[in-house]
């Protein structure tokens, strides 16, 4: 569940944007592009698809980082899904 705190944190995280592409999210978080794509395909990060473009909401990626702190993101079984 996304809280008001996540939304406030997300505002600084995405520099005023509501969503980011996979490449932008990778640059902001330090998580590799391929790892982010794998997490999206496993259903751990909800996205908006527009044609071939994949958009991750800034508040969602912020919440994802918080709830999965300390997890091995390469192991999809260990990663908690953002709802």
Protein backbone atom coordinates (compact mmCIF):
# COMPACT_ATOMS: atom_id res chain seq x y z
CA UNK A 1 0.00 0.00 0.00
CA UNK A 2 1.39 3.38 -0.97
CA UNK A 3 1.40 5.85 1.90
CA UNK A 4 1.58 9.65 1.88
CA UNK A 5 5.21 9.30 2.98
CA UNK A 6 5.95 7.31 -0.20
CA UNK A 7 4.35 10.03 -2.28
CA UNK A 8 6.43 12.76 -0.63
CA UNK A 9 9.62 10.74 -1.08
CA UNK A 10 8.67 10.02 -4.69
CA UNK A 11 8.37 13.71 -5.51
CA UNK A 12 12.08 14.25 -4.87
CA UNK A 13 12.98 10.85 -6.33
CA UNK A 14 11.49 11.48 -9.79
CA UNK A 15 12.20 15.22 -9.97
CA UNK A 16 8.53 16.15 -10.46
CA UNK A 17 7.69 13.37 -12.91
CA UNK A 18 4.82 10.97 -12.33
CA UNK A 19 6.47 8.08 -14.14
CA UNK A 20 9.80 6.91 -15.51
CA UNK A 21 10.90 4.58 -18.25
CA UNK A 22 12.92 1.49 -17.34
CA UNK A 23 16.12 3.32 -18.31
CA UNK A 24 15.25 6.36 -16.18
CA UNK A 25 14.29 4.17 -13.21
CA UNK A 26 17.58 2.28 -13.57
CA UNK A 27 19.53 5.55 -13.55
CA UNK A 28 17.65 6.86 -10.49
CA UNK A 29 17.80 3.68 -8.41
CA UNK A 30 21.07 2.07 -9.41
CA UNK A 31 19.21 -1.15 -10.22
CA UNK A 32 20.23 -2.54 -13.60
CA UNK A 33 17.88 -2.27 -16.56
CA UNK A 34 17.77 -6.03 -17.06
CA UNK A 35 17.03 -6.59 -13.37
CA UNK A 36 14.16 -4.08 -13.53
CA UNK A 37 12.79 -5.77 -16.65
CA UNK A 38 12.95 -9.15 -14.88
CA UNK A 39 11.12 -7.75 -11.83
CA UNK A 40 8.42 -6.30 -14.10
CA UNK A 41 8.01 -9.61 -15.96
CA UNK A 42 7.78 -11.49 -12.61
CA UNK A 43 4.95 -9.14 -11.63
CA UNK A 44 6.84 -7.60 -8.70
CA UNK A 45 6.69 -4.03 -10.06
CA UNK A 46 3.40 -2.88 -11.62
CA UNK A 47 3.81 -0.85 -14.79
CA UNK A 48 1.86 1.06 -17.41
CA UNK A 49 2.51 -0.05 -20.98
CA UNK A 50 2.08 2.38 -23.83
CA UNK A 51 2.88 0.57 -27.04
CA UNK A 52 6.44 -0.64 -26.60
CA UNK A 53 7.20 1.83 -23.80
CA UNK A 54 7.05 0.68 -20.18
CA UNK A 55 6.37 3.31 -17.51
CA UNK A 56 6.94 2.80 -13.77
CA UNK A 57 5.21 5.26 -11.45
CA UNK A 58 7.68 7.14 -9.28
CA UNK A 59 5.78 6.40 -6.06
CA UNK A 60 5.69 2.70 -6.94
CA UNK A 61 9.46 2.45 -7.46
CA UNK A 62 10.03 4.37 -4.21
CA UNK A 63 7.76 1.97 -2.28
CA UNK A 64 9.41 -1.02 -3.99
CA UNK A 65 12.85 0.13 -2.85
CA UNK A 66 11.66 0.57 0.73
CA UNK A 67 9.86 -2.76 1.17
CA UNK A 68 12.63 -4.76 -0.50
CA UNK A 69 15.56 -3.23 1.32
CA UNK A 70 18.09 -5.96 2.05
CA UNK A 71 16.55 -8.48 -0.39
CA UNK A 72 18.39 -10.12 -3.26
CA UNK A 73 16.56 -8.56 -6.22
CA UNK A 74 17.90 -11.24 -8.54
CA UNK A 75 15.82 -13.85 -6.66
CA UNK A 76 12.19 -13.17 -7.62
CA UNK A 77 10.97 -15.52 -4.87
CA UNK A 78 12.57 -13.28 -2.24
CA UNK A 79 11.22 -9.98 -3.62
CA UNK A 80 7.96 -8.55 -2.28
CA UNK A 81 5.42 -7.23 -4.76
CA UNK A 82 4.28 -3.61 -4.62
CA UNK A 83 0.51 -3.32 -4.36
